[in-house]
C-alpha atoms as a PDB file:
ATOM      1  CA  UNK A   1      83.364  31.937   2.900  1.00  0.00           C
ATOM      2  CA  UNK A   2      85.812  33.364   5.395  1.00  0.00           C
ATOM      3  CA  UNK A   3      85.102  33.091   9.162  1.00  0.00           C
ATOM      4  CA  UNK A   4      87.212  34.767  11.785  1.00  0.00           C
ATOM      5  CA  UNK A   5      87.111  32.655  14.947  1.00  0.00           C
ATOM      6  CA  UNK A   6      88.024  33.920  18.411  1.00  0.00           C
ATOM      7  CA  UNK A   7      88.640  31.801  21.488  1.00  0.00           C
ATOM      8  CA  UNK A   8      90.366  29.133  19.467  1.00  0.00           C
ATOM      9  CA  UNK A   9      92.161  27.499  22.377  1.00  0.00           C
ATOM     10  CA  UNK A  10      89.025  27.229  24.534  1.00  0.00           C
ATOM     11  CA  UNK A  11      86.776  24.196  24.764  1.00  0.00           C
ATOM     12  CA  UNK A  12      84.194  25.521  22.190  1.00  0.00           C
ATOM     13  CA  UNK A  13      86.891  26.924  19.939  1.00  0.00           C
ATOM     14  CA  UNK A  14      88.534  23.458  19.805  1.00  0.00           C
ATOM     15  CA  UNK A  15      85.225  21.748  19.010  1.00  0.00           C
ATOM     16  CA  UNK A  16      84.463  24.335  16.284  1.00  0.00           C
ATOM     17  CA  UNK A  17      87.839  23.646  14.601  1.00  0.00           C
ATOM     18  CA  UNK A  18      87.191  19.876  14.677  1.00  0.00           C
ATOM     19  CA  UNK A  19      84.042  20.144  12.530  1.00  0.00           C
ATOM     20  CA  UNK A  20      84.562  22.947  10.005  1.00  0.00           C
ATOM     21  CA  UNK A  21      82.169  22.536   7.112  1.00  0.00           C
ATOM     22  CA  UNK A  22      83.441  22.269   3.573  1.00  0.00           C
ATOM     23  CA  UNK A  23      84.047  25.481   1.767  1.00  0.00           C
ATOM     24  CA  UNK A  24      84.751  27.517   4.859  1.00  0.00           C
ATOM     25  CA  UNK A  25      88.112  29.185   5.471  1.00  0.00           C
ATOM     26  CA  UNK A  26      88.609  29.736   9.232  1.00  0.00           C
ATOM     27  CA  UNK A  27      91.004  32.382  10.495  1.00  0.00           C
ATOM     28  CA  UNK A  28      91.877  31.142  13.988  1.00  0.00           C
ATOM     29  CA  UNK A  29      92.640  33.986  16.350  1.00  0.00           C
ATOM     30  CA  UNK A  30      94.206  32.902  19.634  1.00  0.00           C
ATOM     31  CA  UNK A  31      94.731  35.306  22.531  1.00  0.00           C
ATOM     32  CA  UNK A  32      98.286  36.102  21.296  1.00  0.00           C
ATOM     33  CA  UNK A  33      97.007  37.105  17.852  1.00  0.00           C
ATOM     34  CA  UNK A  34      93.902  38.994  19.023  1.00  0.00           C
ATOM     35  CA  UNK A  35      93.570  40.378  22.561  1.00  0.00           C
ATOM     36  CA  UNK A  36      89.867  40.758  23.244  1.00  0.00           C
ATOM     37  CA  UNK A  37      90.736  43.191  26.014  1.00  0.00           C
ATOM     38  CA  UNK A  38      91.908  45.611  23.297  1.00  0.00           C
ATOM     39  CA  UNK A  39      89.070  47.107  21.230  1.00  0.00           C
ATOM     40  CA  UNK A  40      91.516  48.620  18.730  1.00  0.00           C
ATOM     41  CA  UNK A  41      92.981  45.193  17.995  1.00  0.00           C
ATOM     42  CA  UNK A  42      89.445  43.832  17.541  1.00  0.00           C
ATOM     43  CA  UNK A  43      88.586  46.555  14.981  1.00  0.00           C
ATOM     44  CA  UNK A  44      91.914  46.201  13.184  1.00  0.00           C
ATOM     45  CA  UNK A  45      91.485  42.402  12.805  1.00  0.00           C
ATOM     46  CA  UNK A  46      88.135  42.918  11.057  1.00  0.00           C
ATOM     47  CA  UNK A  47      89.451  45.759   8.884  1.00  0.00           C
ATOM     48  CA  UNK A  48      92.463  43.727   7.880  1.00  0.00           C
ATOM     49  CA  UNK A  49      90.861  40.265   7.238  1.00  0.00           C
ATOM     50  CA  UNK A  50      87.398  41.394   6.058  1.00  0.00           C
ATOM     51  CA  UNK A  51      85.681  38.165   7.133  1.00  0.00           C
ATOM     52  CA  UNK A  52      82.176  37.194   6.001  1.00  0.00           C
ATOM     53  CA  UNK A  53      81.470  36.102   9.579  1.00  0.00           C
ATOM     54  CA  UNK A  54      83.027  36.711  12.989  1.00  0.00           C
ATOM     55  CA  UNK A  55      82.327  33.763  15.248  1.00  0.00           C
ATOM     56  CA  UNK A  56      83.046  35.143  18.726  1.00  0.00           C
ATOM     57  CA  UNK A  57      83.628  32.120  20.911  1.00  0.00           C
ATOM     58  CA  UNK A  58      86.142  33.915  23.084  1.00  0.00           C
ATOM     59  CA  UNK A  59      84.874  35.170  26.409  1.00  0.00           C
ATOM     60  CA  UNK A  60      85.688  35.903  30.021  1.00  0.00           C
ATOM     61  CA  UNK A  61      83.931  32.920  31.653  1.00  0.00           C
ATOM     62  CA  UNK A  62      85.306  32.920  35.196  1.00  0.00           C
ATOM     63  CA  UNK A  63      81.979  33.575  36.853  1.00  0.00           C
ATOM     64  CA  UNK A  64      83.208  34.170  40.426  1.00  0.00           C
ATOM     65  CA  UNK A  65      86.384  35.984  39.385  1.00  0.00           C
ATOM     66  CA  UNK A  66      84.314  38.433  37.340  1.00  0.00           C
ATOM     67  CA  UNK A  67      82.989  39.883  40.660  1.00  0.00           C
ATOM     68  CA  UNK A  68      86.513  41.031  41.527  1.00  0.00           C
ATOM     69  CA  UNK A  69      87.568  41.845  37.924  1.00  0.00           C
ATOM     70  CA  UNK A  70      84.490  43.676  36.560  1.00  0.00           C
ATOM     71  CA  UNK A  71      86.438  45.884  34.199  1.00  0.00           C
ATOM     72  CA  UNK A  72      88.188  42.943  32.580  1.00  0.00           C
ATOM     73  CA  UNK A  73      84.998  40.910  32.247  1.00  0.00           C
ATOM     74  CA  UNK A  74      83.166  43.940  30.741  1.00  0.00           C
ATOM     75  CA  UNK A  75      86.027  44.681  28.303  1.00  0.00           C
ATOM     76  CA  UNK A  76      86.139  41.104  26.953  1.00  0.00           C
ATOM     77  CA  UNK A  77      82.387  40.240  27.043  1.00  0.00           C
ATOM     78  CA  UNK A  78      80.965  43.612  26.058  1.00  0.00           C
ATOM     79  CA  UNK A  79      83.773  45.781  24.641  1.00  0.00           C
ATOM     80  CA  UNK A  80      85.089  43.253  22.095  1.00  0.00           C
ATOM     81  CA  UNK A  81      81.706  42.328  20.573  1.00  0.00           C
ATOM     82  CA  UNK A  82      80.872  46.037  20.394  1.00  0.00           C
ATOM     83  CA  UNK A  83      84.145  46.775  18.532  1.00  0.00           C
ATOM     84  CA  UNK A  84      83.446  43.850  16.092  1.00  0.00           C
ATOM     85  CA  UNK A  85      79.916  45.108  15.476  1.00  0.00           C
ATOM     86  CA  UNK A  86      81.119  48.656  14.823  1.00  0.00           C
ATOM     87  CA  UNK A  87      83.419  47.641  12.011  1.00  0.00           C
ATOM     88  CA  UNK A  88      81.055  44.986  10.546  1.00  0.00           C
ATOM     89  CA  UNK A  89      78.310  47.578  10.413  1.00  0.00           C
ATOM     90  CA  UNK A  90      80.503  49.798   8.254  1.00  0.00           C
ATOM     91  CA  UNK A  91      82.277  47.321   5.992  1.00  0.00           C
ATOM     92  CA  UNK A  92      79.786  44.387   5.827  1.00  0.00           C
ATOM     93  CA  UNK A  93      80.005  40.891   7.355  1.00  0.00           C
ATOM     94  CA  UNK A  94      78.047  39.145  10.081  1.00  0.00           C
ATOM     95  CA  UNK A  95      78.607  38.341  13.723  1.00  0.00           C
ATOM     96  CA  UNK A  96      77.655  35.198  15.689  1.00  0.00           C
ATOM     97  CA  UNK A  97      78.086  35.935  19.365  1.00  0.00           C
ATOM     98  CA  UNK A  98      78.038  33.093  21.937  1.00  0.00           C
ATOM     99  CA  UNK A  99      76.107  34.204  24.985  1.00  0.00           C
ATOM    100  CA  UNK A 100      74.799  32.608  28.161  1.00  0.00           C
ATOM    101  CA  UNK A 101      71.851  31.552  30.313  1.00  0.00           C
ATOM    102  CA  UNK A 102      73.313  33.833  33.000  1.00  0.00           C
ATOM    103  CA  UNK A 103      71.661  36.833  31.368  1.00  0.00           C
ATOM    104  CA  UNK A 104      68.532  35.703  33.291  1.00  0.00           C
ATOM    105  CA  UNK A 105      67.916  35.875  37.057  1.00  0.00           C
ATOM    106  CA  UNK A 106      66.563  32.315  37.348  1.00  0.00           C
ATOM    107  CA  UNK A 107      63.441  33.235  39.319  1.00  0.00           C
ATOM    108  CA  UNK A 108      60.899  31.590  36.960  1.00  0.00           C
ATOM    109  CA  UNK A 109      60.178  27.885  36.717  1.00  0.00           C
ATOM    110  CA  UNK A 110      59.618  27.454  32.993  1.00  0.00           C
ATOM    111  CA  UNK A 111      62.290  27.464  30.272  1.00  0.00           C
ATOM    112  CA  UNK A 112      63.461  30.964  29.222  1.00  0.00           C
ATOM    113  CA  UNK A 113      62.422  32.007  25.727  1.00  0.00           C
ATOM    114  CA  UNK A 114      64.819  33.998  23.497  1.00  0.00           C
ATOM    115  CA  UNK A 115      62.647  37.122  23.511  1.00  0.00           C
ATOM    116  CA  UNK A 116      62.328  37.327  27.333  1.00  0.00           C
ATOM    117  CA  UNK A 117      63.656  40.338  29.181  1.00  0.00           C
ATOM    118  CA  UNK A 118      67.190  39.901  30.487  1.00  0.00           C
ATOM    119  CA  UNK A 119      67.883  40.391  34.209  1.00  0.00           C
ATOM    120  CA  UNK A 120      71.413  39.247  35.099  1.00  0.00           C
ATOM    121  CA  UNK A 121      72.338  38.913  38.774  1.00  0.00           C
ATOM    122  CA  UNK A 122      76.145  38.697  38.582  1.00  0.00           C
ATOM    123  CA  UNK A 123      78.925  40.594  36.846  1.00  0.00           C
ATOM    124  CA  UNK A 124      79.503  37.768  34.325  1.00  0.00           C
ATOM    125  CA  UNK A 125      75.859  37.783  33.212  1.00  0.00           C
ATOM    126  CA  UNK A 126      75.835  41.583  33.162  1.00  0.00           C
ATOM    127  CA  UNK A 127      78.894  41.760  30.922  1.00  0.00           C
ATOM    128  CA  UNK A 128      77.402  39.201  28.506  1.00  0.00           C
ATOM    129  CA  UNK A 129      74.070  41.085  28.496  1.00  0.00           C
ATOM    130  CA  UNK A 130      75.821  44.334  27.638  1.00  0.00           C
ATOM    131  CA  UNK A 131      77.618  42.577  24.811  1.00  0.00           C
ATOM    132  CA  UNK A 132      74.271  41.443  23.446  1.00  0.00           C
ATOM    133  CA  UNK A 133      72.834  44.970  23.681  1.00  0.00           C
ATOM    134  CA  UNK A 134      75.846  46.472  21.836  1.00  0.00           C
ATOM    135  CA  UNK A 135      75.398  43.999  18.976  1.00  0.00           C
ATOM    136  CA  UNK A 136      71.655  44.507  18.785  1.00  0.00           C
ATOM    137  CA  UNK A 137      72.024  48.314  18.664  1.00  0.00           C
ATOM    138  CA  UNK A 138      74.512  48.166  15.765  1.00  0.00           C
ATOM    139  CA  UNK A 139      73.595  45.084  13.683  1.00  0.00           C
ATOM    140  CA  UNK A 140      70.056  44.052  14.500  1.00  0.00           C
ATOM    141  CA  UNK A 141      68.341  46.343  11.996  1.00  0.00           C
ATOM    142  CA  UNK A 142      70.525  44.942   9.183  1.00  0.00           C
ATOM    143  CA  UNK A 143      69.979  41.267  10.091  1.00  0.00           C
ATOM    144  CA  UNK A 144      73.738  40.795  10.530  1.00  0.00           C
ATOM    145  CA  UNK A 145      74.107  39.989  14.250  1.00  0.00           C
ATOM    146  CA  UNK A 146      72.983  36.737  15.816  1.00  0.00           C
ATOM    147  CA  UNK A 147      73.240  35.907  19.484  1.00  0.00           C
ATOM    148  CA  UNK A 148      73.330  32.231  20.457  1.00  0.00           C
ATOM    149  CA  UNK A 149      72.779  31.671  24.191  1.00  0.00           C
ATOM    150  CA  UNK A 150      73.829  28.382  25.693  1.00  0.00           C
ATOM    151  CA  UNK A 151      74.274  26.846  29.152  1.00  0.00           C
ATOM    152  CA  UNK A 152      76.568  24.651  31.216  1.00  0.00           C
ATOM    153  CA  UNK A 153      79.063  23.887  28.452  1.00  0.00           C
ATOM    154  CA  UNK A 154      81.038  20.638  28.763  1.00  0.00           C
ATOM    155  CA  UNK A 155      83.724  19.278  26.464  1.00  0.00           C
ATOM    156  CA  UNK A 156      86.663  16.885  26.427  1.00  0.00           C
ATOM    157  CA  UNK A 157      89.287  19.641  26.761  1.00  0.00           C
ATOM    158  CA  UNK A 158      89.767  22.835  28.771  1.00  0.00           C
ATOM    159  CA  UNK A 159      88.321  23.621  32.162  1.00  0.00           C
ATOM    160  CA  UNK A 160      84.807  22.347  32.833  1.00  0.00           C
ATOM    161  CA  UNK A 161      82.609  20.491  35.314  1.00  0.00           C
ATOM    162  CA  UNK A 162      83.060  17.082  33.639  1.00  0.00           C
ATOM    163  CA  UNK A 163      86.857  17.055  33.889  1.00  0.00           C
ATOM    164  CA  UNK A 164      86.742  18.442  37.456  1.00  0.00           C
ATOM    165  CA  UNK A 165      84.220  15.797  38.580  1.00  0.00           C
ATOM    166  CA  UNK A 166      86.270  12.978  37.059  1.00  0.00           C
ATOM    167  CA  UNK A 167      89.232  14.050  39.132  1.00  0.00           C
ATOM    168  CA  UNK A 168      87.109  14.347  42.305  1.00  0.00           C
ATOM    169  CA  UNK A 169      85.485  10.960  41.785  1.00  0.00           C
ATOM    170  CA  UNK A 170      88.822   9.244  41.488  1.00  0.00           C
ATOM    171  CA  UNK A 171      90.432  11.077  44.398  1.00  0.00           C
ATOM    172  CA  UNK A 172      87.692  11.534  47.039  1.00  0.00           C
ATOM    173  CA  UNK A 173      85.285   9.316  48.982  1.00  0.00           C
ATOM    174  CA  UNK A 174      82.578  11.948  49.058  1.00  0.00           C
ATOM    175  CA  UNK A 175      81.743  14.991  46.911  1.00  0.00           C
ATOM    176  CA  UNK A 176      79.264  17.688  47.926  1.00  0.00           C
ATOM    177  CA  UNK A 177      77.428  19.108  44.896  1.00  0.00           C
ATOM    178  CA  UNK A 178      74.697  21.800  44.647  1.00  0.00           C
ATOM    179  CA  UNK A 179      71.337  20.221  43.924  1.00  0.00           C
ATOM    180  CA  UNK A 180      69.013  23.257  43.775  1.00  0.00           C
ATOM    181  CA  UNK A 181      70.333  24.953  40.581  1.00  0.00           C
ATOM    182  CA  UNK A 182      68.499  23.604  37.524  1.00  0.00           C
ATOM    183  CA  UNK A 183      69.653  23.968  33.934  1.00  0.00           C
ATOM    184  CA  UNK A 184      70.871  21.755  31.131  1.00  0.00           C
ATOM    185  CA  UNK A 185      74.441  20.701  30.237  1.00  0.00           C
ATOM    186  CA  UNK A 186      75.521  21.365  26.656  1.00  0.00           C
ATOM    187  CA  UNK A 187      78.171  19.441  24.751  1.00  0.00           C
ATOM    188  CA  UNK A 188      80.725  21.478  22.826  1.00  0.00           C
ATOM    189  CA  UNK A 189      80.060  19.108  19.884  1.00  0.00           C
ATOM    190  CA  UNK A 190      76.352  19.847  19.608  1.00  0.00           C
ATOM    191  CA  UNK A 191      76.961  23.544  20.231  1.00  0.00           C
ATOM    192  CA  UNK A 192      79.635  23.681  17.515  1.00  0.00           C
ATOM    193  CA  UNK A 193      77.246  21.982  15.055  1.00  0.00           C
ATOM    194  CA  UNK A 194      74.522  24.556  15.853  1.00  0.00           C
ATOM    195  CA  UNK A 195      77.051  27.380  15.266  1.00  0.00           C
ATOM    196  CA  UNK A 196      78.026  26.063  11.848  1.00  0.00           C
ATOM    197  CA  UNK A 197      74.444  25.479  10.897  1.00  0.00           C
ATOM    198  CA  UNK A 198      73.710  29.151  11.596  1.00  0.00           C
ATOM    199  CA  UNK A 199      76.682  30.323   9.509  1.00  0.00           C
ATOM    200  CA  UNK A 200      75.971  27.997   6.559  1.00  0.00           C
ATOM    201  CA  UNK A 201      72.248  28.629   6.576  1.00  0.00           C
ATOM    202  CA  UNK A 202      71.363  29.235   2.916  1.00  0.00           C
ATOM    203  CA  UNK A 203      67.617  29.185   3.206  1.00  0.00           C
ATOM    204  CA  UNK A 204      65.767  32.316   2.230  1.00  0.00           C
ATOM    205  CA  UNK A 205      64.229  32.570   5.707  1.00  0.00           C
ATOM    206  CA  UNK A 206      65.734  35.174   8.052  1.00  0.00           C
ATOM    207  CA  UNK A 207      67.215  33.611  11.186  1.00  0.00           C
ATOM    208  CA  UNK A 208      66.083  35.036  14.556  1.00  0.00           C
ATOM    209  CA  UNK A 209      68.435  37.576  16.111  1.00  0.00           C
ATOM    210  CA  UNK A 210      68.508  35.677  19.413  1.00  0.00           C
ATOM    211  CA  UNK A 211      68.609  31.884  19.539  1.00  0.00           C
ATOM    212  CA  UNK A 212      68.918  29.379  22.380  1.00  0.00           C
ATOM    213  CA  UNK A 213      70.860  26.136  22.308  1.00  0.00           C
ATOM    214  CA  UNK A 214      71.466  23.484  24.913  1.00  0.00           C
ATOM    215  CA  UNK A 215      71.216  19.693  24.875  1.00  0.00           C
ATOM    216  CA  UNK A 216      67.845  18.132  25.703  1.00  0.00           C
ATOM    217  CA  UNK A 217      66.465  17.457  29.193  1.00  0.00           C
ATOM    218  CA  UNK A 218      66.994  19.210  32.514  1.00  0.00           C
ATOM    219  CA  UNK A 219      69.293  18.529  35.444  1.00  0.00           C
ATOM    220  CA  UNK A 220      70.870  19.864  38.623  1.00  0.00           C
ATOM    221  CA  UNK A 221      74.633  19.918  39.051  1.00  0.00           C
ATOM    222  CA  UNK A 222      74.065  17.059  41.533  1.00  0.00           C
ATOM    223  CA  UNK A 223      72.424  14.989  38.765  1.00  0.00           C
ATOM    224  CA  UNK A 224      75.318  15.708  36.344  1.00  0.00           C
ATOM    225  CA  UNK A 225      77.888  14.790  39.006  1.00  0.00           C
ATOM    226  CA  UNK A 226      76.234  11.404  39.574  1.00  0.00           C
ATOM    227  CA  UNK A 227      76.021  10.777  35.856  1.00  0.00           C
ATOM    228  CA  UNK A 228      79.741  11.605  35.393  1.00  0.00           C
ATOM    229  CA  UNK A 229      80.586   9.087  38.113  1.00  0.00           C
ATOM    230  CA  UNK A 230      78.395   6.308  36.652  1.00  0.00           C
ATOM    231  CA  UNK A 231      79.439   6.843  33.035  1.00  0.00           C
ATOM    232  CA  UNK A 232      83.099   7.374  34.012  1.00  0.00           C
ATOM    233  CA  UNK A 233      83.094   4.006  35.794  1.00  0.00           C
ATOM    234  CA  UNK A 234      81.248   2.256  32.938  1.00  0.00           C
ATOM    235  CA  UNK A 235      83.834   3.638  30.439  1.00  0.00           C
ATOM    236  CA  UNK A 236      86.722   2.677  32.785  1.00  0.00           C
ATOM    237  CA  UNK A 237      87.869   6.286  33.096  1.00  0.00           C
ATOM    238  CA  UNK A 238      87.722   5.939  36.871  1.00  0.00           C
ATOM    239  CA  UNK A 239      87.957   2.822  39.088  1.00  0.00           C
ATOM    240  CA  UNK A 240      85.205   3.877  41.466  1.00  0.00           C
ATOM    241  CA  UNK A 241      82.549   6.562  42.044  1.00  0.00           C
ATOM    242  CA  UNK A 242      82.643   8.806  45.063  1.00  0.00           C
ATOM    243  CA  UNK A 243      79.449   9.263  47.043  1.00  0.00           C
ATOM    244  CA  UNK A 244      77.785  12.389  45.762  1.00  0.00           C
ATOM    245  CA  UNK A 245      75.968  14.296  48.505  1.00  0.00           C
ATOM    246  CA  UNK A 246      73.352  16.924  47.517  1.00  0.00           C
ATOM    247  CA  UNK A 247      73.734  20.376  49.128  1.00  0.00           C
ATOM    248  CA  UNK A 248      71.941  23.693  48.766  1.00  0.00           C
ATOM    249  CA  UNK A 249      73.313  26.831  47.133  1.00  0.00           C
ATOM    250  CA  UNK A 250      73.390  28.386  50.623  1.00  0.00           C
ATOM    251  CA  UNK A 251      75.717  25.594  51.859  1.00  0.00           C
ATOM    252  CA  UNK A 252      78.158  26.350  49.014  1.00  0.00           C
ATOM    253  CA  UNK A 253      78.595  30.163  49.025  1.00  0.00           C
ATOM    254  CA  UNK A 254      80.361  31.693  46.019  1.00  0.00           C
ATOM    255  CA  UNK A 255      81.325  35.309  45.219  1.00  0.00           C
ATOM    256  CA  UNK A 256      78.860  35.349  42.315  1.00  0.00           C
ATOM    257  CA  UNK A 257      75.142  34.649  42.644  1.00  0.00           C
ATOM    258  CA  UNK A 258      73.902  32.100  40.150  1.00  0.00           C
ATOM    259  CA  UNK A 259      70.424  31.681  38.648  1.00  0.00           C
ATOM    260  CA  UNK A 260      68.496  28.868  40.409  1.00  0.00           C
ATOM    261  CA  UNK A 261      66.748  27.956  37.240  1.00  0.00           C
ATOM    262  CA  UNK A 262      68.195  28.738  33.848  1.00  0.00           C
ATOM    263  CA  UNK A 263      66.740  26.217  31.444  1.00  0.00           C
ATOM    264  CA  UNK A 264      66.651  27.633  27.900  1.00  0.00           C
ATOM    265  CA  UNK A 265      63.730  27.037  25.535  1.00  0.00           C
ATOM    266  CA  UNK A 266      65.454  25.726  22.422  1.00  0.00           C
ATOM    267  CA  UNK A 267      62.330  24.696  20.446  1.00  0.00           C
ATOM    268  CA  UNK A 268      62.538  27.456  17.826  1.00  0.00           C
ATOM    269  CA  UNK A 269      66.300  26.971  17.267  1.00  0.00           C
ATOM    270  CA  UNK A 270      65.966  23.236  16.811  1.00  0.00           C
ATOM    271  CA  UNK A 271      63.070  23.762  14.363  1.00  0.00           C
ATOM    272  CA  UNK A 272      64.898  26.532  12.425  1.00  0.00           C
ATOM    273  CA  UNK A 273      68.230  24.722  12.174  1.00  0.00           C
ATOM    274  CA  UNK A 274      66.636  21.259  11.749  1.00  0.00           C
ATOM    275  CA  UNK A 275      68.717  19.735  14.494  1.00  0.00           C
ATOM    276  CA  UNK A 276      67.131  17.294  16.933  1.00  0.00           C
ATOM    277  CA  UNK A 277      68.000  17.836  20.585  1.00  0.00           C
ATOM    278  CA  UNK A 278      70.020  14.957  22.092  1.00  0.00           C
ATOM    279  CA  UNK A 279      69.558  14.203  25.805  1.00  0.00           C
ATOM    280  CA  UNK A 280      72.387  15.609  27.901  1.00  0.00           C
ATOM    281  CA  UNK A 281      73.301  12.220  29.334  1.00  0.00           C
ATOM    282  CA  UNK A 282      73.896  10.879  25.815  1.00  0.00           C
ATOM    283  CA  UNK A 283      76.087  13.836  24.820  1.00  0.00           C
ATOM    284  CA  UNK A 284      77.914  13.542  28.163  1.00  0.00           C
ATOM    285  CA  UNK A 285      78.674   9.883  27.354  1.00  0.00           C
ATOM    286  CA  UNK A 286      80.184  10.933  24.020  1.00  0.00           C
ATOM    287  CA  UNK A 287      82.250  13.642  25.733  1.00  0.00           C
ATOM    288  CA  UNK A 288      83.639  11.138  28.331  1.00  0.00           C
ATOM    289  CA  UNK A 289      84.432   8.653  25.535  1.00  0.00           C
ATOM    290  CA  UNK A 290      86.491  11.373  23.854  1.00  0.00           C
ATOM    291  CA  UNK A 291      88.298  12.139  27.096  1.00  0.00           C
ATOM    292  CA  UNK A 292      89.207   8.442  27.310  1.00  0.00           C
ATOM    293  CA  UNK A 293      90.457   8.454  23.692  1.00  0.00           C
ATOM    294  CA  UNK A 294      92.559  11.537  24.420  1.00  0.00           C
ATOM    295  CA  UNK A 295      94.069   9.887  27.486  1.00  0.00           C
ATOM    296  CA  UNK A 296      94.955   6.730  25.480  1.00  0.00           C
ATOM    297  CA  UNK A 297      96.576   8.826  22.782  1.00  0.00           C
ATOM    298  CA  UNK A 298      98.829  10.743  25.168  1.00  0.00           C
END
């Protein structure tokens, strides 16, 4: 089986390459080989390589910057998946699109189910929602497009909250972190495993068109910041923890509005893929251990 992978240098792309199942040939497309801003390049890559699957892990993820670069965010997050879907519809092949909890507005207080109506409140969420719609309109009727929404992705490489907090814990006495946004962190390892389970699914049952994946549990960014300090100190990644002070979203204004509550209901995905959810603190510990290993090896 041949899989064309985008976003290969990102944190999820790296994790996906570290656990490729047997029997899968992965065509790694970095930004230099495939510019997601260019729909013609996207179409040509599929026409040329004729993959069985496109795993679109590449995205415009700068949530605040998207407010001032809406065209760029829309081109990468909506235009590229639409171009992939167009060619796959004609020549065959499937698409696994990584999407986000930000397609919801965060006004409810129970986990969002995959079939709930989307209502994004920022440009990043809007661009991802449009990408979903484009795939659904072209591939949904043929069972060849799957959208996997996830949240708060953390890994040992790239840019993410875990690496930022480790730096702040080791350099500051006090960190102010938002405590009134609730969601769930997701390890790039567990997310990569879910992706490969979807692609290698050989059961006769049809997979749902929209699936949700995050690690188990719920947290605020404040909770995660405290856990990073505690686990970082325990694993001797940092000498001491900074004091973490909870603040409200209002006290930390950002260009993009964020959902206050964006927990994803992953029950059906776990049941379908036969993967147990691991609590976010446990996957965070594994992530921090890998950061330590990376540091020792460099």
